[in-house]
Amino acid sequence: MDSLQSKAKKIKLLLLDVDGVLTDNRLIYGDDGQEYKAFYTRDGHAMVLIQKSGIEIGIITGRKSKLVEKRMQDLKVKHLYQGVPDKLPTFEALIGSINIELDQVAYMGDDILDLPILTRVGLASCPKDSDPEVIKRVDFVSNFNGGRGAVRELCEFIMQSQDTWQTQLDFYLR
């Protein structure tokens, strides 16, 4: 087994950034000043499947949005932290509160503000279109851009590494 699969096999918690990871990194504002985001449904479905496989999911994002809160409620994401520009203290508090080791955590981020977490977790990952400083410091670079399947690919890779993917797939093949 290669080292990347070994890292993925240990994961019990998947943490994600939002802008640039679950979205395409654009902020869209309507004439009414309302902020809009587009989420890729395949990423969301993978988040549901990985939770069914026993992996918890958390979100740590610098911005605050009711849209993100609604989407994470729909996906039954247990840990949601918004409006956190310095993510490391929140990350450390979360890890302490659920009593998990750093090598059991995967994180997907896309920009340099994600580096404090990316450089500490067991499986650091990013979308294909991430900042070059991030790309050169992670274990797993998705073949997909943020908001366009990067989270799906990571979730599937973790499930495949833990031998839980086929069980999820079999549900649809019955």
C-alpha atoms as a PDB file:
ATOM      1  CA  MET A   1       0.000   0.000   0.000  1.00  0.00           C
ATOM      2  CA  ASP A   2       1.408   3.404  -0.879  1.00  0.00           C
ATOM      3  CA  SER A   3       1.772   6.118   1.748  1.00  0.00           C
ATOM      4  CA  LEU A   4      -1.154   8.173   0.425  1.00  0.00           C
ATOM      5  CA  GLN A   5      -3.534   5.244   0.860  1.00  0.00           C
ATOM      6  CA  SER A   6      -2.050   4.566   4.301  1.00  0.00           C
ATOM      7  CA  LYS A   7      -2.812   8.153   5.284  1.00  0.00           C
ATOM      8  CA  ALA A   8      -6.359   7.933   3.909  1.00  0.00           C
ATOM      9  CA  LYS A   9      -6.997   4.652   5.713  1.00  0.00           C
ATOM     10  CA  LYS A  10      -6.606   6.416   9.107  1.00  0.00           C
ATOM     11  CA  ILE A  11      -9.070   9.253   8.435  1.00  0.00           C
ATOM     12  CA  LYS A  12     -11.979   9.661  10.848  1.00  0.00           C
ATOM     13  CA  LEU A  13     -12.678  13.371  10.280  1.00  0.00           C
ATOM     14  CA  LEU A  14     -12.789  15.269   6.992  1.00  0.00           C
ATOM     15  CA  LEU A  15     -12.568  19.045   7.286  1.00  0.00           C
ATOM     16  CA  LEU A  16     -13.299  21.354   4.376  1.00  0.00           C
ATOM     17  CA  ASP A  17     -12.994  25.009   3.503  1.00  0.00           C
ATOM     18  CA  VAL A  18     -15.921  26.452   1.529  1.00  0.00           C
ATOM     19  CA  ASP A  19     -14.882  29.125  -0.992  1.00  0.00           C
ATOM     20  CA  GLY A  20     -12.593  27.538  -3.552  1.00  0.00           C
ATOM     21  CA  VAL A  21     -13.273  24.025  -2.265  1.00  0.00           C
ATOM     22  CA  LEU A  22     -17.040  23.501  -2.106  1.00  0.00           C
ATOM     23  CA  THR A  23     -17.575  26.434  -4.478  1.00  0.00           C
ATOM     24  CA  ASP A  24     -15.706  27.681  -7.533  1.00  0.00           C
ATOM     25  CA  ASN A  25     -14.222  30.549  -5.493  1.00  0.00           C
ATOM     26  CA  ARG A  26     -16.471  33.225  -6.967  1.00  0.00           C
ATOM     27  CA  LEU A  27     -18.665  35.477  -4.864  1.00  0.00           C
ATOM     28  CA  ILE A  28     -21.807  36.495  -6.683  1.00  0.00           C
ATOM     29  CA  TYR A  29     -23.907  39.389  -5.412  1.00  0.00           C
ATOM     30  CA  GLY A  30     -27.399  40.262  -6.585  1.00  0.00           C
ATOM     31  CA  ASP A  31     -28.691  43.801  -7.043  1.00  0.00           C
ATOM     32  CA  ASP A  32     -30.261  43.440  -3.621  1.00  0.00           C
ATOM     33  CA  GLY A  33     -26.813  42.904  -2.073  1.00  0.00           C
ATOM     34  CA  GLN A  34     -27.580  39.254  -1.393  1.00  0.00           C
ATOM     35  CA  GLU A  35     -24.621  36.866  -1.737  1.00  0.00           C
ATOM     36  CA  TYR A  36     -25.050  33.722  -3.839  1.00  0.00           C
ATOM     37  CA  LYS A  37     -22.922  30.594  -4.067  1.00  0.00           C
ATOM     38  CA  ALA A  38     -23.191  27.543  -6.282  1.00  0.00           C
ATOM     39  CA  PHE A  39     -22.542  24.119  -4.765  1.00  0.00           C
ATOM     40  CA  TYR A  40     -21.756  21.054  -6.885  1.00  0.00           C
ATOM     41  CA  THR A  41     -24.312  18.365  -6.080  1.00  0.00           C
ATOM     42  CA  ARG A  42     -21.860  15.510  -6.660  1.00  0.00           C
ATOM     43  CA  ASP A  43     -19.582  16.940  -3.971  1.00  0.00           C
ATOM     44  CA  GLY A  44     -22.579  17.059  -1.634  1.00  0.00           C
ATOM     45  CA  HIS A  45     -23.602  13.506  -2.419  1.00  0.00           C
ATOM     46  CA  ALA A  46     -20.072  12.299  -1.698  1.00  0.00           C
ATOM     47  CA  MET A  47     -20.218  14.103   1.647  1.00  0.00           C
ATOM     48  CA  VAL A  48     -23.391  12.176   2.484  1.00  0.00           C
ATOM     49  CA  LEU A  49     -21.802   8.876   1.436  1.00  0.00           C
ATOM     50  CA  ILE A  50     -18.604   9.381   3.415  1.00  0.00           C
ATOM     51  CA  GLN A  51     -20.648  10.177   6.512  1.00  0.00           C
ATOM     52  CA  LYS A  52     -22.581   6.931   5.971  1.00  0.00           C
ATOM     53  CA  SER A  53     -19.171   5.254   5.879  1.00  0.00           C
ATOM     54  CA  GLY A  54     -18.418   6.492   9.396  1.00  0.00           C
ATOM     55  CA  ILE A  55     -16.349   9.608   8.660  1.00  0.00           C
ATOM     56  CA  GLU A  56     -17.413  12.847  10.354  1.00  0.00           C
ATOM     57  CA  ILE A  57     -17.331  16.072   8.341  1.00  0.00           C
ATOM     58  CA  GLY A  58     -16.572  19.576   9.484  1.00  0.00           C
ATOM     59  CA  ILE A  59     -16.404  22.981   7.826  1.00  0.00           C
ATOM     60  CA  ILE A  60     -14.034  25.769   8.833  1.00  0.00           C
ATOM     61  CA  THR A  61     -14.452  28.860   6.684  1.00  0.00           C
ATOM     62  CA  GLY A  62     -13.343  32.459   6.895  1.00  0.00           C
ATOM     63  CA  ARG A  63     -16.598  33.880   5.583  1.00  0.00           C
ATOM     64  CA  LYS A  64     -20.053  33.684   7.139  1.00  0.00           C
ATOM     65  CA  SER A  65     -23.088  32.860   5.042  1.00  0.00           C
ATOM     66  CA  LYS A  66     -26.631  31.671   5.687  1.00  0.00           C
ATOM     67  CA  LEU A  67     -26.332  29.764   2.403  1.00  0.00           C
ATOM     68  CA  VAL A  68     -23.480  27.684   3.820  1.00  0.00           C
ATOM     69  CA  GLU A  69     -25.426  27.036   7.016  1.00  0.00           C
ATOM     70  CA  LYS A  70     -28.433  25.849   4.997  1.00  0.00           C
ATOM     71  CA  ARG A  71     -26.336  23.629   2.706  1.00  0.00           C
ATOM     72  CA  MET A  72     -24.521  22.006   5.629  1.00  0.00           C
ATOM     73  CA  GLN A  73     -27.842  21.400   7.415  1.00  0.00           C
ATOM     74  CA  ASP A  74     -29.111  19.686   4.257  1.00  0.00           C
ATOM     75  CA  LEU A  75     -25.992  17.495   4.201  1.00  0.00           C
ATOM     76  CA  LYS A  76     -26.180  16.837   7.965  1.00  0.00           C
ATOM     77  CA  VAL A  77     -22.673  18.138   8.558  1.00  0.00           C
ATOM     78  CA  LYS A  78     -22.005  17.969  12.278  1.00  0.00           C
ATOM     79  CA  HIS A  79     -19.281  20.589  12.729  1.00  0.00           C
ATOM     80  CA  LEU A  80     -19.747  24.039  11.152  1.00  0.00           C
ATOM     81  CA  TYR A  81     -17.503  27.000  11.955  1.00  0.00           C
ATOM     82  CA  GLN A  82     -18.033  30.187   9.940  1.00  0.00           C
ATOM     83  CA  GLY A  83     -16.499  33.647  10.118  1.00  0.00           C
ATOM     84  CA  VAL A  84     -13.153  32.211  11.211  1.00  0.00           C
ATOM     85  CA  PRO A  85     -10.333  34.146   9.506  1.00  0.00           C
ATOM     86  CA  ASP A  86      -7.662  32.515  11.719  1.00  0.00           C
ATOM     87  CA  LYS A  87      -8.668  28.866  11.391  1.00  0.00           C
ATOM     88  CA  LEU A  88      -5.977  27.231  13.525  1.00  0.00           C
ATOM     89  CA  PRO A  89      -7.449  27.931  17.006  1.00  0.00           C
ATOM     90  CA  THR A  90     -10.856  26.624  15.881  1.00  0.00           C
ATOM     91  CA  PHE A  91      -9.209  23.557  14.359  1.00  0.00           C
ATOM     92  CA  GLU A  92      -7.251  22.859  17.552  1.00  0.00           C
ATOM     93  CA  ALA A  93     -10.375  23.291  19.717  1.00  0.00           C
ATOM     94  CA  LEU A  94     -12.363  20.923  17.493  1.00  0.00           C
ATOM     95  CA  ILE A  95      -9.644  18.263  17.517  1.00  0.00           C
ATOM     96  CA  GLY A  96      -9.452  18.510  21.299  1.00  0.00           C
ATOM     97  CA  SER A  97     -13.211  18.378  21.797  1.00  0.00           C
ATOM     98  CA  ILE A  98     -13.684  15.193  19.779  1.00  0.00           C
ATOM     99  CA  ASN A  99     -10.443  13.641  21.023  1.00  0.00           C
ATOM    100  CA  ILE A 100      -8.952  12.727  17.661  1.00  0.00           C
ATOM    101  CA  GLU A 101      -5.328  12.451  16.546  1.00  0.00           C
ATOM    102  CA  LEU A 102      -3.963  14.749  13.827  1.00  0.00           C
ATOM    103  CA  ASP A 103      -3.168  11.787  11.551  1.00  0.00           C
ATOM    104  CA  GLN A 104      -6.875  10.883  11.620  1.00  0.00           C
ATOM    105  CA  VAL A 105      -7.851  14.204  10.049  1.00  0.00           C
ATOM    106  CA  ALA A 106      -8.037  15.113   6.368  1.00  0.00           C
ATOM    107  CA  TYR A 107      -8.398  18.725   5.291  1.00  0.00           C
ATOM    108  CA  MET A 108      -9.083  20.261   1.898  1.00  0.00           C
ATOM    109  CA  GLY A 109      -8.217  23.921   1.473  1.00  0.00           C
ATOM    110  CA  ASP A 110      -7.264  26.058  -1.504  1.00  0.00           C
ATOM    111  CA  ASP A 111      -5.483  29.195  -0.295  1.00  0.00           C
ATOM    112  CA  ILE A 112      -2.618  30.226   1.923  1.00  0.00           C
ATOM    113  CA  LEU A 113      -4.911  30.911   4.895  1.00  0.00           C
ATOM    114  CA  ASP A 114      -5.512  27.136   4.932  1.00  0.00           C
ATOM    115  CA  LEU A 115      -1.800  26.317   5.316  1.00  0.00           C
ATOM    116  CA  PRO A 116      -1.769  26.302   9.137  1.00  0.00           C
ATOM    117  CA  ILE A 117      -4.214  23.375   9.088  1.00  0.00           C
ATOM    118  CA  LEU A 118      -2.919  21.725   5.910  1.00  0.00           C
ATOM    119  CA  THR A 119       0.580  21.455   7.370  1.00  0.00           C
ATOM    120  CA  ARG A 120      -0.698  19.670  10.505  1.00  0.00           C
ATOM    121  CA  VAL A 121      -3.230  17.075   9.357  1.00  0.00           C
ATOM    122  CA  GLY A 122      -2.686  13.466   8.387  1.00  0.00           C
ATOM    123  CA  LEU A 123      -4.008  13.937   4.841  1.00  0.00           C
ATOM    124  CA  ALA A 124      -3.651  17.424   3.347  1.00  0.00           C
ATOM    125  CA  SER A 125      -5.478  18.018   0.077  1.00  0.00           C
ATOM    126  CA  CYS A 126      -6.533  20.743  -2.324  1.00  0.00           C
ATOM    127  CA  PRO A 127      -8.447  21.292  -5.565  1.00  0.00           C
ATOM    128  CA  LYS A 128      -6.544  21.463  -8.855  1.00  0.00           C
ATOM    129  CA  ASP A 129      -6.962  25.237  -9.139  1.00  0.00           C
ATOM    130  CA  SER A 130      -5.551  26.036  -5.679  1.00  0.00           C
ATOM    131  CA  ASP A 131      -2.844  28.578  -4.935  1.00  0.00           C
ATOM    132  CA  PRO A 132       0.585  27.240  -6.007  1.00  0.00           C
ATOM    133  CA  GLU A 133       1.891  27.620  -2.446  1.00  0.00           C
ATOM    134  CA  VAL A 134      -0.832  25.234  -1.292  1.00  0.00           C
ATOM    135  CA  ILE A 135      -0.365  22.747  -4.139  1.00  0.00           C
ATOM    136  CA  LYS A 136       3.302  22.221  -3.326  1.00  0.00           C
ATOM    137  CA  ARG A 137       2.544  21.491   0.351  1.00  0.00           C
ATOM    138  CA  VAL A 138      -0.271  18.935   0.192  1.00  0.00           C
ATOM    139  CA  ASP A 139      -0.400  15.152  -0.130  1.00  0.00           C
ATOM    140  CA  PHE A 140      -3.354  14.984  -2.532  1.00  0.00           C
ATOM    141  CA  VAL A 141      -4.110  17.385  -5.380  1.00  0.00           C
ATOM    142  CA  SER A 142      -7.483  16.694  -6.947  1.00  0.00           C
ATOM    143  CA  ASN A 143      -7.854  16.360 -10.691  1.00  0.00           C
ATOM    144  CA  PHE A 144     -10.861  18.682 -10.350  1.00  0.00           C
ATOM    145  CA  ASN A 145     -11.278  22.353  -9.535  1.00  0.00           C
ATOM    146  CA  GLY A 146     -12.939  23.654  -6.405  1.00  0.00           C
ATOM    147  CA  GLY A 147     -16.723  23.484  -6.611  1.00  0.00           C
ATOM    148  CA  ARG A 148     -16.444  21.081  -9.546  1.00  0.00           C
ATOM    149  CA  GLY A 149     -15.757  17.650  -8.056  1.00  0.00           C
ATOM    150  CA  ALA A 150     -12.608  18.032  -5.953  1.00  0.00           C
ATOM    151  CA  VAL A 151     -14.441  17.083  -2.752  1.00  0.00           C
ATOM    152  CA  ARG A 152     -16.111  14.150  -4.489  1.00  0.00           C
ATOM    153  CA  GLU A 153     -12.769  12.795  -5.647  1.00  0.00           C
ATOM    154  CA  LEU A 154     -11.246  13.094  -2.171  1.00  0.00           C
ATOM    155  CA  CYS A 155     -14.250  11.442  -0.491  1.00  0.00           C
ATOM    156  CA  GLU A 156     -14.182   8.549  -2.934  1.00  0.00           C
ATOM    157  CA  PHE A 157     -10.422   8.130  -2.462  1.00  0.00           C
ATOM    158  CA  ILE A 158     -10.801   7.969   1.329  1.00  0.00           C
ATOM    159  CA  MET A 159     -13.683   5.480   1.079  1.00  0.00           C
ATOM    160  CA  GLN A 160     -11.769   3.340  -1.423  1.00  0.00           C
ATOM    161  CA  SER A 161      -8.724   3.353   0.858  1.00  0.00           C
ATOM    162  CA  GLN A 162     -10.897   2.266   3.792  1.00  0.00           C
ATOM    163  CA  ASP A 163     -12.746  -0.384   1.760  1.00  0.00           C
ATOM    164  CA  THR A 164     -16.121   1.303   2.283  1.00  0.00           C
ATOM    165  CA  TRP A 165     -16.680   2.638  -1.246  1.00  0.00           C
ATOM    166  CA  GLN A 166     -18.036  -0.604  -2.696  1.00  0.00           C
ATOM    167  CA  THR A 167     -20.678  -0.815   0.051  1.00  0.00           C
ATOM    168  CA  GLN A 168     -21.885   2.684  -0.849  1.00  0.00           C
ATOM    169  CA  LEU A 169     -21.821   1.885  -4.557  1.00  0.00           C
ATOM    170  CA  ASP A 170     -23.637  -1.434  -4.076  1.00  0.00           C
ATOM    171  CA  PHE A 171     -26.634   0.443  -2.652  1.00  0.00           C
ATOM    172  CA  TYR A 172     -27.166   1.945  -6.128  1.00  0.00           C
ATOM    173  CA  LEU A 173     -26.346  -1.226  -8.026  1.00  0.00           C
ATOM    174  CA  ARG A 174     -28.915  -3.434  -6.309  1.00  0.00           C
END
